[in-house]
């Protein structure tokens, strides 16, 4: 989706520990270096009300209510995020880079939570409407490697609702994201996240610069 002033909506997806937070920040920095306004955001969250729902969802308190209840709360958070943050930014021509979006609901509550595809689709169509990402980058990593990274990142902090799930869950999650990429190849690009962050960053930039025909795509890389 493009904003009236030329903004673009880019989302990052993938399992735990794939480096989404790192790569969204690096892409934002590159785009800003080219003079673009960039809004860096995340899901669940991205607006005050959505951040309150994020705390509830990641605490695990909703898990016992089932996948449908989780999906509805994620949809509620996404609706406010779109209203308060994403759509206004796109309307004024900013680039929006989001760490997770609707594909995460498809994967976590849909494929892994056994929520009926029609239910997931109905929630997505109702909330997202035409605010569909112009590009989705799926960072791919073996589940065991990603979980190891997530544990190191967390340190002494307790694992959140999804990080606490077992290896089988995360292996299925990885397959779910790859299936999404296969089903929508024009929107989704899979990038191997096993390499060091600088190499992953370069590959992300090649994809973004090529997709949107950015001028002087190497400017932000000079001097690195």
C-alpha atoms as a PDB file:
ATOM      1  CA  UNK A   1       0.000   0.000   0.000  1.00  0.00           C
ATOM      2  CA  UNK A   2       1.210   3.483  -0.877  1.00  0.00           C
ATOM      3  CA  UNK A   3       0.389   6.684   0.934  1.00  0.00           C
ATOM      4  CA  UNK A   4      -0.729   9.773  -0.935  1.00  0.00           C
ATOM      5  CA  UNK A   5       2.741  11.242  -0.641  1.00  0.00           C
ATOM      6  CA  UNK A   6       4.613   8.161  -1.780  1.00  0.00           C
ATOM      7  CA  UNK A   7       4.961   6.276   1.509  1.00  0.00           C
ATOM      8  CA  UNK A   8       5.227   2.518   1.624  1.00  0.00           C
ATOM      9  CA  UNK A   9       4.151  -0.165   4.092  1.00  0.00           C
ATOM     10  CA  UNK A  10       6.753  -2.866   4.792  1.00  0.00           C
ATOM     11  CA  UNK A  11       6.316  -5.673   7.310  1.00  0.00           C
ATOM     12  CA  UNK A  12       8.789  -8.129   8.793  1.00  0.00           C
ATOM     13  CA  UNK A  13       7.732 -11.618   9.858  1.00  0.00           C
ATOM     14  CA  UNK A  14       9.364 -14.775  11.165  1.00  0.00           C
ATOM     15  CA  UNK A  15       9.753 -16.929  14.238  1.00  0.00           C
ATOM     16  CA  UNK A  16      11.319 -16.035  17.549  1.00  0.00           C
ATOM     17  CA  UNK A  17      14.951 -14.903  17.450  1.00  0.00           C
ATOM     18  CA  UNK A  18      15.146 -14.318  13.709  1.00  0.00           C
ATOM     19  CA  UNK A  19      16.375 -10.737  14.119  1.00  0.00           C
ATOM     20  CA  UNK A  20      13.274  -8.794  13.113  1.00  0.00           C
ATOM     21  CA  UNK A  21      13.839  -6.003  15.628  1.00  0.00           C
ATOM     22  CA  UNK A  22      17.447  -5.558  14.523  1.00  0.00           C
ATOM     23  CA  UNK A  23      16.653  -5.531  10.826  1.00  0.00           C
ATOM     24  CA  UNK A  24      13.648  -3.211  11.066  1.00  0.00           C
ATOM     25  CA  UNK A  25      15.827  -0.661  12.866  1.00  0.00           C
ATOM     26  CA  UNK A  26      18.609  -0.977  10.309  1.00  0.00           C
ATOM     27  CA  UNK A  27      16.243  -0.597   7.377  1.00  0.00           C
ATOM     28  CA  UNK A  28      14.672   2.451   9.013  1.00  0.00           C
ATOM     29  CA  UNK A  29      18.106   4.021   9.410  1.00  0.00           C
ATOM     30  CA  UNK A  30      18.941   3.464   5.736  1.00  0.00           C
ATOM     31  CA  UNK A  31      15.686   4.978   4.551  1.00  0.00           C
ATOM     32  CA  UNK A  32      16.096   7.980   6.844  1.00  0.00           C
ATOM     33  CA  UNK A  33      19.594   8.493   5.435  1.00  0.00           C
ATOM     34  CA  UNK A  34      17.971   8.900   2.009  1.00  0.00           C
ATOM     35  CA  UNK A  35      15.693  11.598   3.380  1.00  0.00           C
ATOM     36  CA  UNK A  36      12.510   9.592   3.899  1.00  0.00           C
ATOM     37  CA  UNK A  37      10.241   9.953   6.906  1.00  0.00           C
ATOM     38  CA  UNK A  38      10.073   6.540   8.561  1.00  0.00           C
ATOM     39  CA  UNK A  39       7.665   5.262  11.192  1.00  0.00           C
ATOM     40  CA  UNK A  40       9.076   2.196  12.937  1.00  0.00           C
ATOM     41  CA  UNK A  41       6.427   0.235  14.780  1.00  0.00           C
ATOM     42  CA  UNK A  42       5.501  -3.244  16.010  1.00  0.00           C
ATOM     43  CA  UNK A  43       2.693  -5.686  16.732  1.00  0.00           C
ATOM     44  CA  UNK A  44       1.077  -6.322  18.987  1.00  0.00           C
ATOM     45  CA  UNK A  45       1.456  -2.687  19.959  1.00  0.00           C
ATOM     46  CA  UNK A  46       2.278   0.466  18.051  1.00  0.00           C
ATOM     47  CA  UNK A  47      -0.305   2.689  19.751  1.00  0.00           C
ATOM     48  CA  UNK A  48      -1.067   3.286  23.440  1.00  0.00           C
ATOM     49  CA  UNK A  49      -4.176   1.081  23.488  1.00  0.00           C
ATOM     50  CA  UNK A  50      -2.506  -1.634  21.433  1.00  0.00           C
ATOM     51  CA  UNK A  51       0.519  -1.612  23.747  1.00  0.00           C
ATOM     52  CA  UNK A  52      -1.813  -2.274  26.699  1.00  0.00           C
ATOM     53  CA  UNK A  53      -3.208  -5.276  24.834  1.00  0.00           C
ATOM     54  CA  UNK A  54       0.341  -6.394  24.011  1.00  0.00           C
ATOM     55  CA  UNK A  55       1.163  -6.686  27.699  1.00  0.00           C
ATOM     56  CA  UNK A  56      -1.927  -8.809  28.245  1.00  0.00           C
ATOM     57  CA  UNK A  57      -1.342 -11.071  25.245  1.00  0.00           C
ATOM     58  CA  UNK A  58       2.338 -11.716  25.896  1.00  0.00           C
ATOM     59  CA  UNK A  59       1.732 -12.378  29.586  1.00  0.00           C
ATOM     60  CA  UNK A  60       0.010 -15.645  28.643  1.00  0.00           C
ATOM     61  CA  UNK A  61      -3.151 -14.777  30.576  1.00  0.00           C
ATOM     62  CA  UNK A  62      -5.280 -15.121  27.448  1.00  0.00           C
ATOM     63  CA  UNK A  63      -3.871 -18.494  26.368  1.00  0.00           C
ATOM     64  CA  UNK A  64      -6.391 -20.468  28.419  1.00  0.00           C
ATOM     65  CA  UNK A  65      -9.246 -18.758  26.561  1.00  0.00           C
ATOM     66  CA  UNK A  66      -8.163 -20.355  23.296  1.00  0.00           C
ATOM     67  CA  UNK A  67      -6.955 -19.298  19.859  1.00  0.00           C
ATOM     68  CA  UNK A  68     -10.143 -17.472  18.892  1.00  0.00           C
ATOM     69  CA  UNK A  69      -9.973 -15.167  21.924  1.00  0.00           C
ATOM     70  CA  UNK A  70      -6.283 -14.485  21.218  1.00  0.00           C
ATOM     71  CA  UNK A  71      -7.013 -13.749  17.566  1.00  0.00           C
ATOM     72  CA  UNK A  72      -9.821 -11.335  18.476  1.00  0.00           C
ATOM     73  CA  UNK A  73      -7.579  -9.444  20.891  1.00  0.00           C
ATOM     74  CA  UNK A  74      -4.784  -9.287  18.333  1.00  0.00           C
ATOM     75  CA  UNK A  75      -7.325  -7.954  15.830  1.00  0.00           C
ATOM     76  CA  UNK A  76      -8.485  -5.322  18.327  1.00  0.00           C
ATOM     77  CA  UNK A  77      -4.898  -4.215  18.897  1.00  0.00           C
ATOM     78  CA  UNK A  78      -4.271  -4.151  15.139  1.00  0.00           C
ATOM     79  CA  UNK A  79      -7.378  -2.077  14.505  1.00  0.00           C
ATOM     80  CA  UNK A  80      -6.222   0.631  16.905  1.00  0.00           C
ATOM     81  CA  UNK A  81      -2.660   0.436  15.586  1.00  0.00           C
ATOM     82  CA  UNK A  82      -3.900   1.018  12.044  1.00  0.00           C
ATOM     83  CA  UNK A  83      -6.185   3.861  13.104  1.00  0.00           C
ATOM     84  CA  UNK A  84      -3.718   5.691  15.322  1.00  0.00           C
ATOM     85  CA  UNK A  85      -0.357   5.030  13.688  1.00  0.00           C
ATOM     86  CA  UNK A  86      -0.143   3.234  10.365  1.00  0.00           C
ATOM     87  CA  UNK A  87      -2.832   4.877   8.236  1.00  0.00           C
ATOM     88  CA  UNK A  88      -2.031   8.467   9.274  1.00  0.00           C
ATOM     89  CA  UNK A  89       1.660   7.874   8.513  1.00  0.00           C
ATOM     90  CA  UNK A  90       0.936   6.416   5.075  1.00  0.00           C
ATOM     91  CA  UNK A  91      -1.478   9.241   4.308  1.00  0.00           C
ATOM     92  CA  UNK A  92       1.238  11.834   4.833  1.00  0.00           C
ATOM     93  CA  UNK A  93       3.742   9.888   2.716  1.00  0.00           C
ATOM     94  CA  UNK A  94       5.858   8.233   5.408  1.00  0.00           C
ATOM     95  CA  UNK A  95       7.374   4.801   5.103  1.00  0.00           C
ATOM     96  CA  UNK A  96       5.973   2.446   7.728  1.00  0.00           C
ATOM     97  CA  UNK A  97       8.105  -0.482   8.849  1.00  0.00           C
ATOM     98  CA  UNK A  98       6.291  -2.897  11.132  1.00  0.00           C
ATOM     99  CA  UNK A  99       7.738  -5.750  13.188  1.00  0.00           C
ATOM    100  CA  UNK A 100       4.924  -8.320  12.682  1.00  0.00           C
ATOM    101  CA  UNK A 101       1.477  -7.768  11.229  1.00  0.00           C
ATOM    102  CA  UNK A 102      -1.465  -9.877  10.032  1.00  0.00           C
ATOM    103  CA  UNK A 103       0.709 -12.781   8.849  1.00  0.00           C
ATOM    104  CA  UNK A 104       1.619 -13.473  12.459  1.00  0.00           C
ATOM    105  CA  UNK A 105      -2.058 -14.033  13.270  1.00  0.00           C
ATOM    106  CA  UNK A 106      -2.308 -16.373  10.285  1.00  0.00           C
ATOM    107  CA  UNK A 107       0.673 -18.335  11.570  1.00  0.00           C
ATOM    108  CA  UNK A 108       0.283 -18.306  15.359  1.00  0.00           C
ATOM    109  CA  UNK A 109      -3.494 -18.457  15.856  1.00  0.00           C
ATOM    110  CA  UNK A 110      -4.358 -19.898  12.459  1.00  0.00           C
ATOM    111  CA  UNK A 111      -1.860 -22.587  11.513  1.00  0.00           C
ATOM    112  CA  UNK A 112      -0.716 -23.365  15.060  1.00  0.00           C
ATOM    113  CA  UNK A 113      -3.892 -22.569  16.962  1.00  0.00           C
ATOM    114  CA  UNK A 114      -6.076 -24.557  14.555  1.00  0.00           C
ATOM    115  CA  UNK A 115      -8.359 -21.584  14.061  1.00  0.00           C
ATOM    116  CA  UNK A 116     -10.460 -22.059  10.944  1.00  0.00           C
ATOM    117  CA  UNK A 117      -8.936 -20.290   7.913  1.00  0.00           C
ATOM    118  CA  UNK A 118     -12.258 -18.594   7.155  1.00  0.00           C
ATOM    119  CA  UNK A 119     -12.297 -17.059  10.647  1.00  0.00           C
ATOM    120  CA  UNK A 120      -8.735 -15.774  10.315  1.00  0.00           C
ATOM    121  CA  UNK A 121      -9.511 -14.402   6.853  1.00  0.00           C
ATOM    122  CA  UNK A 122     -12.692 -12.663   8.033  1.00  0.00           C
ATOM    123  CA  UNK A 123     -10.902 -10.983  10.943  1.00  0.00           C
ATOM    124  CA  UNK A 124      -8.077  -9.857   8.685  1.00  0.00           C
ATOM    125  CA  UNK A 125     -10.335  -8.483   5.960  1.00  0.00           C
ATOM    126  CA  UNK A 126     -12.496  -6.644   8.486  1.00  0.00           C
ATOM    127  CA  UNK A 127      -9.566  -4.996  10.288  1.00  0.00           C
ATOM    128  CA  UNK A 128      -6.903  -4.557   7.609  1.00  0.00           C
ATOM    129  CA  UNK A 129      -9.213  -3.661   4.691  1.00  0.00           C
ATOM    130  CA  UNK A 130      -6.975  -2.210   1.961  1.00  0.00           C
ATOM    131  CA  UNK A 131      -3.985  -1.430   4.204  1.00  0.00           C
ATOM    132  CA  UNK A 132      -2.046  -4.406   2.882  1.00  0.00           C
ATOM    133  CA  UNK A 133       1.768  -4.348   3.059  1.00  0.00           C
ATOM    134  CA  UNK A 134       3.498  -3.527  -0.198  1.00  0.00           C
ATOM    135  CA  UNK A 135       6.302  -5.859   0.856  1.00  0.00           C
ATOM    136  CA  UNK A 136       6.651  -8.503   3.553  1.00  0.00           C
ATOM    137  CA  UNK A 137      10.111  -9.771   4.437  1.00  0.00           C
ATOM    138  CA  UNK A 138      10.106 -13.146   6.153  1.00  0.00           C
ATOM    139  CA  UNK A 139      13.308 -13.809   8.053  1.00  0.00           C
ATOM    140  CA  UNK A 140      13.860 -17.570   8.050  1.00  0.00           C
ATOM    141  CA  UNK A 141      15.883 -19.473  10.615  1.00  0.00           C
ATOM    142  CA  UNK A 142      15.901 -23.044  11.983  1.00  0.00           C
ATOM    143  CA  UNK A 143      13.639 -23.046  15.026  1.00  0.00           C
ATOM    144  CA  UNK A 144      16.313 -24.369  17.361  1.00  0.00           C
ATOM    145  CA  UNK A 145      18.717 -21.584  16.393  1.00  0.00           C
ATOM    146  CA  UNK A 146      16.044 -18.926  16.781  1.00  0.00           C
ATOM    147  CA  UNK A 147      15.014 -20.145  20.222  1.00  0.00           C
ATOM    148  CA  UNK A 148      18.648 -20.142  21.319  1.00  0.00           C
ATOM    149  CA  UNK A 149      19.015 -16.537  20.216  1.00  0.00           C
ATOM    150  CA  UNK A 150      15.770 -15.580  21.949  1.00  0.00           C
ATOM    151  CA  UNK A 151      16.974 -17.079  25.239  1.00  0.00           C
ATOM    152  CA  UNK A 152      20.245 -15.169  25.047  1.00  0.00           C
ATOM    153  CA  UNK A 153      18.372 -11.965  24.264  1.00  0.00           C
ATOM    154  CA  UNK A 154      15.975 -12.463  27.176  1.00  0.00           C
ATOM    155  CA  UNK A 155      18.748 -13.038  29.702  1.00  0.00           C
ATOM    156  CA  UNK A 156      17.225 -13.325  33.158  1.00  0.00           C
ATOM    157  CA  UNK A 157      13.782 -12.229  31.992  1.00  0.00           C
ATOM    158  CA  UNK A 158      11.036 -14.835  31.831  1.00  0.00           C
ATOM    159  CA  UNK A 159      10.061 -16.052  28.357  1.00  0.00           C
ATOM    160  CA  UNK A 160       6.879 -14.502  26.992  1.00  0.00           C
ATOM    161  CA  UNK A 161       3.724 -16.369  25.963  1.00  0.00           C
ATOM    162  CA  UNK A 162       5.153 -17.572  22.642  1.00  0.00           C
ATOM    163  CA  UNK A 163       8.858 -17.900  23.437  1.00  0.00           C
ATOM    164  CA  UNK A 164       7.875 -20.369  26.173  1.00  0.00           C
ATOM    165  CA  UNK A 165       6.420 -22.830  23.668  1.00  0.00           C
ATOM    166  CA  UNK A 166       8.435 -25.950  22.791  1.00  0.00           C
ATOM    167  CA  UNK A 167      10.618 -26.710  19.775  1.00  0.00           C
ATOM    168  CA  UNK A 168       7.864 -28.542  17.873  1.00  0.00           C
ATOM    169  CA  UNK A 169       5.637 -25.455  18.092  1.00  0.00           C
ATOM    170  CA  UNK A 170       8.370 -23.260  16.648  1.00  0.00           C
ATOM    171  CA  UNK A 171       9.214 -25.720  13.875  1.00  0.00           C
ATOM    172  CA  UNK A 172       5.550 -25.648  12.822  1.00  0.00           C
ATOM    173  CA  UNK A 173       5.638 -21.860  13.050  1.00  0.00           C
ATOM    174  CA  UNK A 174       8.577 -21.709  10.677  1.00  0.00           C
ATOM    175  CA  UNK A 175       6.724 -23.897   8.175  1.00  0.00           C
ATOM    176  CA  UNK A 176       3.624 -21.716   8.518  1.00  0.00           C
ATOM    177  CA  UNK A 177       5.545 -18.577   7.534  1.00  0.00           C
ATOM    178  CA  UNK A 178       7.179 -20.364   4.600  1.00  0.00           C
ATOM    179  CA  UNK A 179       3.737 -21.517   3.453  1.00  0.00           C
ATOM    180  CA  UNK A 180       2.482 -17.926   3.569  1.00  0.00           C
ATOM    181  CA  UNK A 181       5.455 -16.831   1.460  1.00  0.00           C
ATOM    182  CA  UNK A 182       4.750 -19.578  -1.072  1.00  0.00           C
ATOM    183  CA  UNK A 183       1.096 -18.574  -1.307  1.00  0.00           C
ATOM    184  CA  UNK A 184       1.858 -14.871  -1.910  1.00  0.00           C
ATOM    185  CA  UNK A 185       5.184 -14.676  -3.757  1.00  0.00           C
ATOM    186  CA  UNK A 186       4.573 -11.180  -5.134  1.00  0.00           C
ATOM    187  CA  UNK A 187       4.247  -9.671  -1.661  1.00  0.00           C
ATOM    188  CA  UNK A 188       6.548 -11.915   0.384  1.00  0.00           C
ATOM    189  CA  UNK A 189      10.317 -12.404   0.155  1.00  0.00           C
ATOM    190  CA  UNK A 190      12.095 -15.005   2.303  1.00  0.00           C
ATOM    191  CA  UNK A 191      15.584 -14.087   3.522  1.00  0.00           C
ATOM    192  CA  UNK A 192      17.965 -16.508   5.219  1.00  0.00           C
ATOM    193  CA  UNK A 193      18.582 -15.081   8.703  1.00  0.00           C
ATOM    194  CA  UNK A 194      21.397 -17.441   9.663  1.00  0.00           C
ATOM    195  CA  UNK A 195      24.103 -15.100   8.381  1.00  0.00           C
ATOM    196  CA  UNK A 196      25.634 -12.339  10.488  1.00  0.00           C
ATOM    197  CA  UNK A 197      23.394  -9.269  10.867  1.00  0.00           C
ATOM    198  CA  UNK A 198      25.387  -7.123   8.411  1.00  0.00           C
ATOM    199  CA  UNK A 199      24.880  -9.658   5.614  1.00  0.00           C
ATOM    200  CA  UNK A 200      21.189 -10.010   6.387  1.00  0.00           C
ATOM    201  CA  UNK A 201      20.899  -6.222   6.382  1.00  0.00           C
ATOM    202  CA  UNK A 202      22.516  -6.014   2.966  1.00  0.00           C
ATOM    203  CA  UNK A 203      20.147  -8.616   1.541  1.00  0.00           C
ATOM    204  CA  UNK A 204      17.143  -6.785   3.026  1.00  0.00           C
ATOM    205  CA  UNK A 205      18.338  -3.558   1.466  1.00  0.00           C
ATOM    206  CA  UNK A 206      18.806  -5.185  -1.945  1.00  0.00           C
ATOM    207  CA  UNK A 207      15.217  -6.399  -1.814  1.00  0.00           C
ATOM    208  CA  UNK A 208      13.779  -3.057  -0.669  1.00  0.00           C
ATOM    209  CA  UNK A 209      15.858  -0.905  -3.022  1.00  0.00           C
ATOM    210  CA  UNK A 210      15.027  -3.157  -5.939  1.00  0.00           C
ATOM    211  CA  UNK A 211      11.332  -3.373  -5.183  1.00  0.00           C
ATOM    212  CA  UNK A 212      10.813   0.364  -4.767  1.00  0.00           C
ATOM    213  CA  UNK A 213      13.475   1.550  -7.233  1.00  0.00           C
ATOM    214  CA  UNK A 214      15.192   3.725  -4.684  1.00  0.00           C
ATOM    215  CA  UNK A 215      17.821   6.148  -5.902  1.00  0.00           C
ATOM    216  CA  UNK A 216      21.399   5.720  -4.765  1.00  0.00           C
ATOM    217  CA  UNK A 217      20.670   2.557  -2.721  1.00  0.00           C
ATOM    218  CA  UNK A 218      24.270   2.331  -1.524  1.00  0.00           C
ATOM    219  CA  UNK A 219      24.441   5.769   0.120  1.00  0.00           C
ATOM    220  CA  UNK A 220      23.597   4.553   3.618  1.00  0.00           C
ATOM    221  CA  UNK A 221      26.153   1.769   3.310  1.00  0.00           C
ATOM    222  CA  UNK A 222      29.154   3.956   2.609  1.00  0.00           C
ATOM    223  CA  UNK A 223      31.773   3.962   5.327  1.00  0.00           C
ATOM    224  CA  UNK A 224      30.515   0.793   7.001  1.00  0.00           C
END
